[in-house]
Protein backbone atom coordinates (compact mmCIF):
# COMPACT_ATOMS: atom_id res chain seq x y z
CA MET A 1 -72.29 -43.00 23.31
CA LYS A 2 -70.21 -44.67 20.60
CA THR A 3 -66.47 -44.02 20.34
CA ASN A 4 -64.65 -44.20 16.96
CA VAL A 5 -61.47 -46.13 17.78
CA GLN A 6 -60.11 -46.38 14.19
CA PRO A 7 -58.70 -42.83 14.02
CA LEU A 8 -57.17 -43.27 17.49
CA ARG A 9 -55.47 -46.51 16.41
CA ALA A 10 -54.20 -44.84 13.21
CA THR A 11 -52.83 -41.92 15.19
CA ALA A 12 -51.11 -44.25 17.65
CA CYS A 13 -49.51 -46.20 14.79
CA LEU A 14 -48.20 -43.01 13.16
CA MET A 15 -46.72 -41.82 16.47
CA ALA A 16 -45.07 -45.19 17.04
CA ALA A 17 -43.62 -45.17 13.52
CA ALA A 18 -42.30 -41.63 13.98
CA ALA A 19 -40.71 -42.60 17.28
CA SER A 20 -39.03 -45.64 15.71
CA LEU A 21 -37.59 -43.43 12.94
CA CYS A 22 -36.42 -40.71 15.30
CA ALA A 23 -34.80 -43.03 17.83
CA PRO A 24 -31.90 -44.18 15.61
CA THR A 25 -31.34 -40.58 14.52
CA ALA A 26 -31.17 -39.37 18.09
CA PHE A 27 -28.78 -42.20 18.95
CA ALA A 28 -26.59 -41.35 15.97
CA GLN A 29 -26.49 -37.70 16.94
CA SER A 30 -25.53 -38.52 20.50
CA THR A 31 -22.61 -40.69 19.37
CA THR A 32 -21.31 -38.50 16.52
CA ARG A 33 -18.20 -36.53 17.47
CA THR A 34 -17.91 -32.86 16.62
CA PRO A 35 -15.31 -32.48 13.83
CA THR A 36 -12.23 -30.44 14.63
CA LEU A 37 -10.23 -28.38 12.14
CA PRO A 38 -6.46 -27.91 12.26
CA GLU A 39 -5.30 -24.61 13.72
CA THR A 40 -4.52 -21.92 11.13
CA VAL A 41 -1.30 -20.04 11.81
CA VAL A 42 -0.45 -16.77 10.03
CA ARG A 43 2.70 -14.65 9.73
CA ALA A 44 1.05 -11.41 8.62
CA THR A 45 1.68 -10.06 12.13
CA ARG A 46 5.44 -10.44 11.50
CA PHE A 47 5.58 -13.59 13.69
CA PRO A 48 3.46 -16.78 13.63
CA GLU A 49 0.12 -16.33 15.42
CA PRO A 50 -3.06 -18.46 15.56
CA ALA A 51 -5.53 -16.80 13.17
CA ALA A 52 -8.44 -17.33 15.57
CA SER A 53 -6.79 -15.13 18.21
CA LEU A 54 -6.23 -12.10 15.99
CA PRO A 55 -8.48 -9.01 16.12
CA ALA A 56 -7.54 -8.06 12.55
CA GLY A 57 -9.09 -9.64 9.48
CA VAL A 58 -6.66 -12.09 7.90
CA SER A 59 -7.51 -14.35 4.95
CA VAL A 60 -5.26 -17.38 4.44
CA ILE A 61 -4.73 -19.49 1.31
CA SER A 62 -2.93 -22.78 1.91
CA ALA A 63 -0.82 -24.73 -0.57
CA GLU A 64 -3.58 -27.35 -0.72
CA GLU A 65 -6.16 -24.70 -1.66
CA ILE A 66 -3.83 -23.40 -4.37
CA ARG A 67 -3.55 -26.89 -5.85
CA SER A 68 -7.31 -27.45 -5.65
CA SER A 69 -8.04 -24.14 -7.40
CA GLY A 70 -5.85 -25.04 -10.39
CA ALA A 71 -4.01 -21.71 -10.12
CA THR A 72 -0.68 -21.60 -11.96
CA THR A 73 0.51 -18.24 -10.58
CA VAL A 74 0.26 -16.38 -7.28
CA ASN A 75 -1.99 -13.81 -8.95
CA GLU A 76 -4.44 -16.49 -10.04
CA ALA A 77 -4.52 -17.98 -6.53
CA LEU A 78 -5.50 -14.63 -5.00
CA MET A 79 -8.16 -13.99 -7.64
CA ARG A 80 -9.67 -17.50 -7.69
CA VAL A 81 -9.65 -18.33 -3.98
CA LEU A 82 -10.17 -14.91 -2.37
CA GLY A 83 -11.88 -13.10 -5.23
CA VAL A 84 -9.31 -10.28 -5.33
CA VAL A 85 -9.87 -8.02 -8.34
CA GLY A 86 -7.07 -8.19 -10.93
CA ARG A 87 -6.34 -6.59 -14.30
CA GLN A 88 -3.96 -8.33 -16.70
CA ASP A 89 -0.78 -6.39 -17.33
CA PHE A 90 0.67 -5.48 -20.73
CA PHE A 91 3.17 -8.38 -20.83
CA GLY A 92 0.69 -11.29 -20.82
CA ALA A 93 2.89 -13.56 -18.68
CA GLY A 94 0.33 -14.41 -16.02
CA ASP A 95 0.86 -11.20 -14.06
CA PHE A 96 -2.05 -9.02 -12.93
CA SER A 97 -2.46 -5.67 -11.22
CA LEU A 98 -4.21 -6.70 -8.01
CA ASP A 99 -6.57 -4.35 -6.18
CA LEU A 100 -7.49 -5.22 -2.59
CA ARG A 101 -9.78 -2.29 -1.83
CA GLY A 102 -10.82 -0.54 -5.02
CA PHE A 103 -7.91 1.87 -5.51
CA GLY A 104 -7.95 1.32 -9.27
CA SER A 105 -4.82 2.40 -11.14
CA THR A 106 -3.09 3.40 -7.86
CA ALA A 107 -3.67 0.03 -6.15
CA GLY A 108 -0.03 -0.99 -6.60
CA SER A 109 1.18 1.88 -4.41
CA ASN A 110 -1.52 1.34 -1.75
CA GLN A 111 -0.84 -2.28 -0.83
CA VAL A 112 2.32 -3.94 0.43
CA VAL A 113 3.64 -7.30 -0.82
CA ILE A 114 5.99 -9.28 1.46
CA LEU A 115 7.81 -12.46 0.41
CA ASP A 116 9.50 -14.33 3.27
CA GLY A 117 10.05 -11.04 5.10
CA GLU A 118 11.30 -9.13 2.02
CA ARG A 119 9.30 -6.21 0.66
CA LEU A 120 8.73 -6.51 -3.11
CA ASN A 121 6.95 -3.20 -3.77
CA GLU A 122 8.39 -0.65 -6.14
CA SER A 123 8.49 2.93 -4.90
CA ASP A 124 6.97 4.23 -8.13
CA THR A 125 3.40 3.48 -9.27
CA GLY A 126 4.36 0.01 -10.54
CA GLY A 127 3.13 -2.98 -8.57
CA ALA A 128 5.08 -5.99 -7.35
CA ARG A 129 5.60 -8.68 -10.00
CA LEU A 130 4.13 -11.81 -8.39
CA ALA A 131 4.61 -13.90 -11.55
CA SER A 132 8.31 -13.97 -10.60
CA ILE A 133 7.50 -16.41 -7.75
CA PRO A 134 7.26 -20.14 -8.63
CA ILE A 135 3.76 -21.20 -7.56
CA ASP A 136 4.92 -24.60 -6.25
CA ALA A 137 7.34 -22.87 -3.86
CA VAL A 138 4.46 -21.20 -1.99
CA GLU A 139 3.32 -22.63 1.35
CA ARG A 140 0.61 -20.05 2.04
CA ILE A 141 -0.61 -16.59 1.08
CA GLU A 142 -2.12 -14.22 3.64
CA VAL A 143 -4.06 -11.03 3.03
CA LEU A 144 -4.15 -8.67 6.00
CA ARG A 145 -6.75 -5.91 6.15
CA GLY A 146 -7.37 -3.46 8.95
CA SER A 147 -5.29 -2.16 11.84
CA GLY A 148 -2.62 -4.87 11.61
CA ALA A 149 -1.18 -3.15 8.54
CA VAL A 150 0.43 -0.55 10.81
CA LEU A 151 3.45 -2.83 11.09
CA TYR A 152 4.24 -2.32 7.39
CA GLY A 153 4.15 1.46 7.19
CA GLU A 154 3.60 3.56 4.08
CA GLY A 155 1.76 2.06 1.14
CA ALA A 156 -0.33 -0.34 3.25
CA THR A 157 -3.61 1.62 3.12
CA GLY A 158 -5.31 -1.09 1.06
CA GLY A 159 -3.77 -3.98 2.97
CA VAL A 160 -0.82 -6.36 2.97
CA ILE A 161 -0.19 -9.53 0.96
CA VAL A 162 2.21 -11.84 2.81
CA ILE A 163 3.63 -14.79 0.86
CA THR A 164 5.47 -17.55 2.71
CA THR A 165 7.40 -20.19 0.81
CA LYS A 166 7.79 -23.79 1.90
CA ALA A 167 11.47 -23.16 2.67
CA GLY A 168 10.63 -19.97 4.56
CA ALA A 169 7.91 -21.44 6.79
CA GLY A 170 10.42 -22.69 9.36
CA THR A 171 9.06 -26.24 9.32
CA GLU A 172 11.18 -29.38 8.99
CA ARG A 173 12.14 -30.10 5.40
CA VAL A 174 11.95 -33.62 3.93
CA ASN A 175 13.42 -35.11 0.76
CA SER A 176 11.05 -34.79 -2.20
CA ALA A 177 10.95 -34.10 -5.94
CA SER A 178 8.28 -33.42 -8.53
CA LEU A 179 7.94 -32.66 -12.22
CA GLN A 180 4.73 -31.66 -13.97
CA ALA A 181 3.57 -30.17 -17.25
CA GLY A 182 0.31 -28.65 -18.43
CA ALA A 183 -1.24 -27.06 -21.50
CA GLY A 184 -4.18 -24.79 -22.19
CA SER A 185 -5.84 -22.54 -24.72
CA HIS A 186 -3.90 -20.04 -26.85
CA ARG A 187 -0.98 -22.51 -26.90
CA LEU A 188 -0.33 -22.14 -23.19
CA ARG A 189 2.41 -24.43 -21.87
CA ASP A 190 3.36 -24.70 -18.22
CA LEU A 191 6.35 -26.75 -16.99
CA ARG A 192 7.38 -27.00 -13.31
CA ALA A 193 10.19 -28.79 -11.48
CA ASN A 194 10.79 -28.90 -7.72
CA ALA A 195 13.21 -30.67 -5.39
CA THR A 196 14.11 -30.68 -1.70
CA VAL A 197 17.18 -32.34 -0.19
CA ALA A 198 17.50 -32.44 3.62
CA ALA A 199 20.02 -34.09 5.96
CA GLY A 200 21.70 -33.32 9.29
CA GLY A 201 19.91 -30.02 9.86
CA PHE A 202 20.76 -28.75 6.37
CA SER A 203 18.19 -28.40 3.60
CA PHE A 204 18.18 -27.20 0.00
CA ASP A 205 15.02 -26.25 -1.89
CA VAL A 206 14.97 -25.65 -5.65
CA HIS A 207 11.93 -24.56 -7.66
CA GLY A 208 11.62 -23.73 -11.35
CA GLN A 209 8.73 -22.81 -13.64
CA LYS A 210 8.43 -21.97 -17.34
CA ARG A 211 5.17 -20.51 -18.61
CA GLU A 212 4.77 -19.77 -22.32
CA GLY A 213 1.72 -18.82 -24.39
CA ASP A 214 0.34 -16.80 -27.28
CA ASN A 215 -2.40 -15.16 -25.17
CA HIS A 216 -5.65 -13.83 -26.60
CA ARG A 217 -4.30 -11.49 -29.33
CA GLU A 218 -1.97 -11.63 -32.28
CA HIS A 219 1.67 -10.75 -31.57
CA PHE A 220 1.12 -11.27 -27.83
CA HIS A 221 3.49 -14.20 -27.24
CA SER A 222 5.12 -14.35 -23.80
CA ASP A 223 7.81 -16.57 -22.32
CA ASN A 224 8.27 -16.34 -18.54
CA ARG A 225 11.00 -18.31 -16.72
CA VAL A 226 11.45 -18.24 -12.93
CA ALA A 227 13.68 -20.16 -10.55
CA SER A 228 14.48 -19.98 -6.83
CA PHE A 229 16.95 -21.62 -4.44
CA THR A 230 17.03 -21.68 -0.63
CA GLY A 231 19.76 -23.24 1.46
CA GLN A 232 19.48 -23.25 5.24
CA TRP A 233 20.56 -24.88 8.48
CA ALA A 234 18.42 -25.23 11.59
CA ASN A 235 18.47 -26.75 15.05
CA GLU A 236 16.06 -26.50 17.98
CA TRP A 237 16.52 -22.75 18.57
CA LEU A 238 18.39 -21.27 15.58
CA ARG A 239 17.77 -21.11 11.82
CA ALA A 240 19.90 -19.35 9.20
CA GLY A 241 20.18 -19.46 5.44
CA VAL A 242 20.49 -17.82 2.04
CA ARG A 243 18.05 -17.31 -0.83
CA HIS A 244 18.51 -16.64 -4.53
CA ALA A 245 15.82 -16.13 -7.16
CA ARG A 246 15.78 -15.08 -10.79
CA ASP A 247 13.11 -14.39 -13.36
CA ASP A 248 13.28 -13.63 -17.10
CA LEU A 249 10.49 -12.51 -19.39
CA ASP A 250 10.39 -12.08 -23.18
CA ALA A 251 7.17 -10.59 -24.48
CA GLN A 252 5.58 -9.33 -27.67
CA LEU A 253 3.27 -6.36 -27.22
CA PRO A 254 0.22 -6.15 -29.53
CA GLY A 255 -0.47 -2.48 -28.87
CA ALA A 256 -3.73 -0.58 -28.39
CA LEU A 257 -6.73 -0.74 -30.72
CA THR A 258 -9.20 1.93 -31.69
CA LEU A 259 -12.89 1.12 -31.23
CA PRO A 260 -13.45 0.46 -34.98
CA GLU A 261 -10.35 -1.82 -35.06
CA PHE A 262 -11.57 -3.70 -31.98
CA GLN A 263 -15.05 -4.16 -33.47
CA ALA A 264 -13.55 -5.41 -36.74
CA ASP A 265 -11.18 -7.94 -35.09
CA ALA A 266 -10.63 -7.95 -31.33
CA ARG A 267 -7.67 -10.34 -31.64
CA GLN A 268 -5.56 -8.32 -34.06
CA SER A 269 -2.47 -6.36 -33.08
CA THR A 270 -2.10 -2.67 -33.78
CA PRO A 271 -1.31 -2.31 -37.50
CA GLY A 272 2.31 -1.22 -37.93
CA GLN A 273 2.83 -0.77 -34.16
CA ARG A 274 4.18 -4.14 -33.03
CA SER A 275 6.53 -3.90 -30.05
CA THR A 276 8.66 -6.14 -27.85
CA ALA A 277 9.80 -6.07 -24.23
CA GLY A 278 12.23 -7.94 -22.04
CA MET A 279 12.48 -8.06 -18.26
CA GLU A 280 15.07 -9.55 -15.94
CA GLY A 281 14.92 -9.69 -12.16
CA GLU A 282 17.11 -11.08 -9.40
CA ARG A 283 16.76 -11.38 -5.62
CA ASN A 284 19.46 -12.34 -3.10
CA SER A 285 18.99 -12.42 0.65
CA LEU A 286 20.33 -13.67 3.97
CA PHE A 287 18.06 -14.54 6.89
CA ALA A 288 18.27 -15.78 10.47
CA SER A 289 15.86 -16.46 13.32
CA ALA A 290 16.36 -17.54 16.93
CA ARG A 291 14.28 -18.37 19.98
CA LEU A 292 15.70 -17.20 23.32
CA GLY A 293 13.38 -17.97 26.21
CA ALA A 294 10.18 -15.97 25.80
CA TRP A 295 11.63 -13.98 22.88
CA GLN A 296 11.71 -14.69 19.16
CA LEU A 297 14.25 -12.79 17.05
CA GLU A 298 14.41 -12.47 13.26
CA ALA A 299 16.72 -10.62 10.88
CA ASP A 300 17.06 -10.44 7.11
CA ALA A 301 19.03 -8.49 4.51
CA ALA A 302 18.18 -8.48 0.80
CA LYS A 303 19.17 -6.96 -2.51
CA ARG A 304 16.82 -6.90 -5.49
CA THR A 305 17.37 -5.76 -9.10
CA ARG A 306 15.02 -5.43 -12.08
CA THR A 307 15.82 -4.45 -15.66
CA VAL A 308 13.23 -3.59 -18.31
CA ARG A 309 13.97 -3.13 -22.02
CA SER A 310 11.08 -2.06 -24.30
CA LEU A 311 11.26 -1.44 -28.04
CA PHE A 312 8.36 0.26 -29.80
CA ALA A 313 7.81 1.25 -33.41
CA THR A 314 8.20 4.90 -32.40
CA GLY A 315 11.12 4.55 -29.96
CA SER A 316 12.35 2.73 -26.85
CA PHE A 317 12.13 2.84 -23.06
CA ASP A 318 14.61 1.27 -20.63
CA SER A 319 14.71 1.24 -16.84
CA ASP A 320 16.91 -0.24 -14.12
CA ILE A 321 15.81 -0.71 -10.50
CA GLU A 322 17.96 -1.61 -7.52
CA ALA A 323 16.60 -2.02 -4.00
CA THR A 324 18.31 -3.06 -0.79
CA SER A 325 16.48 -3.77 2.46
CA PHE A 326 17.26 -4.73 6.04
CA GLY A 327 14.88 -5.86 8.75
CA LEU A 328 15.26 -6.68 12.44
CA ARG A 329 12.31 -7.66 14.65
CA ALA A 330 11.58 -9.26 18.02
CA ARG A 331 8.54 -10.72 19.73
CA GLY A 332 8.22 -11.25 23.46
CA GLU A 333 5.38 -12.84 25.38
CA GLY A 334 4.67 -12.82 29.11
CA SER A 335 2.10 -12.13 31.83
CA VAL A 336 1.38 -8.76 33.42
CA GLY A 337 -1.09 -8.66 36.28
CA GLY A 338 -2.52 -12.02 35.28
CA LEU A 339 -3.05 -10.85 31.70
CA ARG A 340 -1.19 -12.26 28.71
CA ASN A 341 0.92 -9.62 26.95
CA ILE A 342 2.47 -9.88 23.46
CA LEU A 343 4.99 -7.25 22.35
CA VAL A 344 6.36 -6.92 18.80
CA ILE A 345 9.09 -4.39 18.02
CA GLY A 346 11.20 -3.97 14.91
CA HIS A 347 13.19 -1.84 12.48
CA ASP A 348 12.87 -1.65 8.67
CA GLN A 349 15.31 -0.04 6.27
CA LEU A 350 14.82 0.33 2.50
CA ASP A 351 16.94 2.02 -0.19
CA TRP A 352 15.32 2.10 -3.65
CA ASP A 353 16.80 3.59 -6.83
CA ARG A 354 15.59 3.69 -10.44
CA THR A 355 17.17 5.11 -13.59
CA SER A 356 15.29 5.30 -16.87
CA LEU A 357 15.97 6.36 -20.44
CA ALA A 358 13.31 7.11 -23.05
CA VAL A 359 14.26 7.60 -26.68
CA PHE A 360 11.48 8.69 -29.04
CA PRO A 361 12.76 10.50 -32.18
CA ALA A 362 9.52 12.45 -32.51
CA PHE A 363 9.90 13.87 -28.99
CA GLY A 364 13.62 13.56 -28.21
CA THR A 365 15.55 11.79 -25.47
CA SER A 366 14.67 11.89 -21.80
CA ALA A 367 16.66 10.49 -18.88
CA SER A 368 15.50 10.45 -15.27
CA ARG A 369 16.42 9.12 -11.86
CA ALA A 370 14.24 8.48 -8.82
CA ASN A 371 15.19 7.23 -5.37
CA GLN A 372 13.66 6.66 -1.96
CA ASP A 373 15.26 6.01 1.41
CA SER A 374 13.07 4.75 4.24
CA ARG A 375 13.95 4.15 7.90
CA ALA A 376 11.28 3.08 10.35
CA TRP A 377 10.79 1.73 13.85
CA TYR A 378 7.54 0.07 14.79
CA VAL A 379 5.99 -1.38 17.94
CA LYS A 380 2.76 -3.24 18.57
CA ASP A 381 1.42 -4.47 21.90
CA ASP A 382 -1.48 -6.87 22.42
CA VAL A 383 -3.16 -7.64 25.75
CA VAL A 384 -5.26 -10.80 25.99
CA LEU A 385 -7.92 -10.70 28.70
CA ALA A 386 -8.94 -13.73 30.75
CA ALA A 387 -12.10 -14.19 28.66
CA GLY A 388 -10.02 -14.31 25.46
CA THR A 389 -10.70 -10.76 24.29
CA ARG A 390 -7.62 -9.31 22.60
CA LEU A 391 -6.80 -5.60 22.63
CA GLY A 392 -4.02 -4.27 20.44
CA ALA A 393 -2.33 -0.95 19.68
CA GLY A 394 0.58 -0.13 17.40
CA PHE A 395 2.74 2.73 16.22
CA ARG A 396 5.22 3.16 13.37
């Protein structure tokens, strides 16, 4: 009986070649270290917490991700990085009506916006104006969905947007300065300046941004100017400071178009209906935080004003908003029966007032006033089991 040895030799050679190729790969895999990512810490739960330990869904955008995305406003960062739906407002200054969960035109009154502990929401149907925050001042943006929103009370059905600035993050400040300029389509110009001075526990952060453009229609020019200042002092257990911010907007309003006008020229303004608007806003606040043993304490008090002046071909509309807020909160951590327990308790107080005046000769003059006073206590308790499972319950 004859045996064909050629196929056997060929098979042996192929197996040897495969083994020689696989051996280095196996060696490389055995010596390659598993990469580790830095821990993500969020403040959407009122105090810093590792994101991996939270039962609620929290999305975090870092300052590095904002820079990489090319976003020039907070609105753009949320839309580009997280895919949040946004509709451009009537002023064309980089502000958008954001919608976290499909509430449409009522989204602004169904989501809460927090900036360094201060609530920016208006108590009417208007949304918070995020274009009033210099983008380079932002350290991170967090979007909280789910049960964690109980800590923020009314208006948080769609979720909570928590914005933390570099000066408000509680990290050590270092001396730095930057100046940058950019340009884009429709004669968009963007100029930013930032500086931080730190010495002996004191630090001062200054941010400014000017965004100007003609936008996508005739008579739609906008000029938005924002600036913020934070001065603070900190040691190992105590931090206290003051914040001031201001924003100014001058805008031309192109008006609405009928379908035939849009089809004829989508970039034109409404014939004979050109309008203008101006907006001024200011925020002032005091803040303090302390660590006493197993407890963390935070307090802040703020006053915010916003003035709107609109002039139309058929009349005018003016409004003035003033809001004052106060917050006090504490977080304690300990062990109960071998289980880790985290307790958060706090008090929020908000006084909001708006006066408006509408003058339209064809319909007459109308003046109105609206106000809202809110007082709330909230508590949230989390129990972490030995296996790492976290159970939480809250009430407001």
